[in-house]
N, C-alpha and C. Protein backbone atom coordinates (compact mmCIF):
# COMPACT_ATOMS: atom_id res chain seq x y z
N MET A 1 145.07 59.18 94.67
CA MET A 1 143.63 59.02 94.94
C MET A 1 143.02 58.46 93.60
N SER A 2 142.17 57.52 93.79
CA SER A 2 141.46 57.02 92.57
C SER A 2 140.45 57.91 92.07
N ASN A 3 140.03 57.56 90.78
CA ASN A 3 138.99 58.38 90.23
C ASN A 3 137.60 58.27 90.92
N SER A 4 137.42 57.18 91.50
CA SER A 4 136.17 56.90 92.25
C SER A 4 136.22 57.79 93.58
N MET A 5 137.32 57.83 94.21
CA MET A 5 137.48 58.64 95.37
C MET A 5 137.30 60.09 95.03
N ARG A 6 137.91 60.52 94.00
CA ARG A 6 137.86 61.94 93.51
C ARG A 6 136.37 62.34 93.30
N ALA A 7 135.62 61.45 92.68
CA ALA A 7 134.25 61.65 92.32
C ALA A 7 133.38 61.85 93.63
N ASN A 8 133.74 60.93 94.57
CA ASN A 8 133.03 60.95 95.87
C ASN A 8 133.26 62.27 96.56
N VAL A 9 134.63 62.66 96.66
CA VAL A 9 134.88 63.87 97.33
C VAL A 9 134.31 65.16 96.61
N ALA A 10 134.30 65.14 95.28
CA ALA A 10 133.78 66.20 94.52
C ALA A 10 132.21 66.28 94.86
N SER A 11 131.57 65.06 94.82
CA SER A 11 130.17 65.14 95.13
C SER A 11 129.83 65.66 96.59
N ALA A 12 130.68 65.17 97.51
CA ALA A 12 130.43 65.67 98.84
C ALA A 12 130.60 67.21 99.02
N ALA A 13 131.67 67.74 98.33
CA ALA A 13 132.00 69.17 98.34
C ALA A 13 130.85 69.88 97.67
N PHE A 14 130.33 69.39 96.53
CA PHE A 14 129.27 70.10 95.91
C PHE A 14 128.00 70.10 96.82
N ALA A 15 127.69 69.02 97.44
CA ALA A 15 126.50 69.00 98.22
C ALA A 15 126.72 69.97 99.48
N LEU A 16 127.88 70.05 100.05
CA LEU A 16 128.12 70.96 101.15
C LEU A 16 127.91 72.42 100.70
N VAL A 17 128.43 72.77 99.53
CA VAL A 17 128.21 74.15 99.04
C VAL A 17 126.75 74.42 98.73
N LEU A 18 126.05 73.35 98.11
CA LEU A 18 124.62 73.61 97.85
C LEU A 18 123.86 73.84 99.11
N PHE A 19 124.13 72.92 100.07
CA PHE A 19 123.38 73.17 101.37
C PHE A 19 123.64 74.50 102.07
N GLN A 20 124.91 75.02 101.94
CA GLN A 20 125.29 76.25 102.44
C GLN A 20 124.55 77.34 101.81
N LEU A 21 124.40 77.26 100.54
CA LEU A 21 123.71 78.31 99.63
C LEU A 21 122.27 78.27 99.97
N VAL A 22 121.68 77.15 100.22
CA VAL A 22 120.19 77.08 100.50
C VAL A 22 120.00 77.58 101.93
N GLU A 23 120.88 77.37 102.87
CA GLU A 23 120.75 77.90 104.25
C GLU A 23 120.85 79.45 104.23
N MET A 24 121.87 80.01 103.46
CA MET A 24 121.99 81.43 103.33
C MET A 24 120.75 82.07 102.71
N ALA A 25 120.20 81.38 101.73
CA ALA A 25 119.00 82.04 101.05
C ALA A 25 117.80 81.98 101.79
N SER A 26 117.60 80.88 102.56
CA SER A 26 116.36 80.72 103.31
C SER A 26 116.30 81.24 104.64
N GLY A 27 117.55 81.37 105.34
CA GLY A 27 117.67 81.77 106.67
C GLY A 27 117.17 80.77 107.71
N ARG A 28 116.87 81.23 108.95
CA ARG A 28 116.51 80.34 110.00
C ARG A 28 115.08 80.68 110.42
N LEU A 29 114.56 79.62 111.02
CA LEU A 29 113.11 79.85 111.52
C LEU A 29 113.17 80.66 112.81
N ALA A 30 112.30 81.55 113.03
CA ALA A 30 112.22 82.26 114.32
C ALA A 30 111.17 81.67 115.20
N VAL A 31 110.49 80.65 114.77
CA VAL A 31 109.34 80.09 115.52
C VAL A 31 109.92 79.04 116.48
N ASN A 32 109.47 79.02 117.70
CA ASN A 32 109.85 78.11 118.75
C ASN A 32 111.34 78.01 118.91
N GLY A 33 112.09 79.15 118.90
CA GLY A 33 113.42 79.05 119.12
C GLY A 33 114.27 78.40 118.03
N GLY A 34 113.80 78.42 116.82
CA GLY A 34 114.44 77.95 115.73
C GLY A 34 114.08 76.43 115.36
N LEU A 35 113.29 75.83 116.15
CA LEU A 35 112.82 74.45 115.92
C LEU A 35 111.68 74.35 114.95
N GLY A 36 111.02 75.46 114.62
CA GLY A 36 109.91 75.35 113.66
C GLY A 36 108.57 75.11 114.36
N TRP A 37 107.60 74.81 113.49
CA TRP A 37 106.23 74.52 114.10
C TRP A 37 106.10 73.19 114.68
N ASP A 38 106.62 72.16 114.12
CA ASP A 38 106.63 70.90 114.72
C ASP A 38 107.78 70.50 115.34
N GLY A 39 108.89 71.22 115.25
CA GLY A 39 110.23 70.82 115.67
C GLY A 39 110.34 70.62 117.21
N GLU A 40 109.46 71.40 117.98
CA GLU A 40 109.51 71.26 119.45
C GLU A 40 108.99 69.90 119.79
N MET A 41 107.97 69.44 119.16
CA MET A 41 107.42 68.18 119.41
C MET A 41 108.42 67.02 119.05
N TYR A 42 109.14 67.19 117.88
CA TYR A 42 110.15 66.22 117.47
C TYR A 42 111.30 66.19 118.45
N ALA A 43 111.69 67.32 118.90
CA ALA A 43 112.74 67.32 119.96
C ALA A 43 112.29 66.69 121.21
N ARG A 44 111.11 66.81 121.64
CA ARG A 44 110.57 66.16 122.82
C ARG A 44 110.61 64.72 122.58
N MET A 45 110.22 64.26 121.39
CA MET A 45 110.19 62.77 121.08
C MET A 45 111.59 62.13 121.16
N VAL A 46 112.58 62.98 120.74
CA VAL A 46 113.98 62.40 120.68
C VAL A 46 114.64 62.40 122.13
N THR A 47 114.35 63.47 122.84
CA THR A 47 114.92 63.60 124.13
C THR A 47 114.20 62.84 125.22
N ARG A 48 112.93 62.58 124.95
CA ARG A 48 112.10 61.82 126.07
C ARG A 48 111.70 60.49 125.45
N ARG A 49 110.48 60.46 125.04
CA ARG A 49 109.85 59.20 124.43
C ARG A 49 109.21 59.55 123.21
N LEU A 50 109.17 58.52 122.34
CA LEU A 50 108.40 58.74 121.00
C LEU A 50 107.03 59.02 121.23
N SER A 51 106.41 58.64 122.24
CA SER A 51 105.01 58.89 122.53
C SER A 51 104.67 60.26 123.03
N ASP A 52 105.75 61.08 123.20
CA ASP A 52 105.59 62.50 123.66
C ASP A 52 105.13 63.44 122.65
N GLY A 53 105.04 63.06 121.41
CA GLY A 53 104.58 63.81 120.31
C GLY A 53 103.03 63.88 120.20
N THR A 54 102.52 64.62 119.28
CA THR A 54 101.12 64.61 118.96
C THR A 54 100.80 63.35 118.24
N ALA A 55 99.48 63.13 117.89
CA ALA A 55 99.07 61.98 117.06
C ALA A 55 99.77 62.07 115.80
N ASN A 56 99.84 63.23 115.13
CA ASN A 56 100.39 63.38 113.87
C ASN A 56 101.95 63.19 113.82
N THR A 57 102.63 63.70 114.84
CA THR A 57 104.09 63.66 114.90
C THR A 57 104.53 62.24 115.25
N ALA A 58 103.64 61.53 116.00
CA ALA A 58 104.07 60.14 116.42
C ALA A 58 103.99 59.19 115.29
N LEU A 59 103.23 59.62 114.26
CA LEU A 59 103.20 58.57 113.13
C LEU A 59 104.27 58.76 112.21
N ARG A 60 104.94 59.89 112.08
CA ARG A 60 105.83 60.23 111.08
C ARG A 60 107.09 59.28 111.20
N PRO A 61 107.73 59.13 112.42
CA PRO A 61 108.84 58.11 112.46
C PRO A 61 108.52 56.72 111.99
N LEU A 62 107.31 56.36 112.27
CA LEU A 62 106.77 55.06 111.84
C LEU A 62 106.75 54.99 110.40
N SER A 63 106.09 55.92 109.72
CA SER A 63 106.00 55.82 108.30
C SER A 63 107.33 56.13 107.55
N ALA A 64 108.27 56.89 108.09
CA ALA A 64 109.60 57.03 107.57
C ALA A 64 110.47 55.82 107.69
N ALA A 65 110.20 54.95 108.68
CA ALA A 65 111.03 53.70 108.88
C ALA A 65 110.54 52.62 107.86
N HIS A 66 109.35 52.71 107.36
CA HIS A 66 108.83 51.73 106.43
C HIS A 66 108.85 52.26 105.00
N ALA A 67 109.28 53.44 104.73
CA ALA A 67 109.40 53.94 103.41
C ALA A 67 110.44 53.29 102.58
């Protein structure tokens, strides 16, 4: 395994451990079945149509695509 590959694997492992620690420390949202305050609208936008969200949530995919 090359040094570059080892560095990539080490970075990925570190990120996984870090994300797990953050998840353990912060817990899960109890709002809207774990989706959060806006998550229900985003889920609707993904499973149905982008226009199914509110005016605010409908703009976020557009602004993220141009960022």
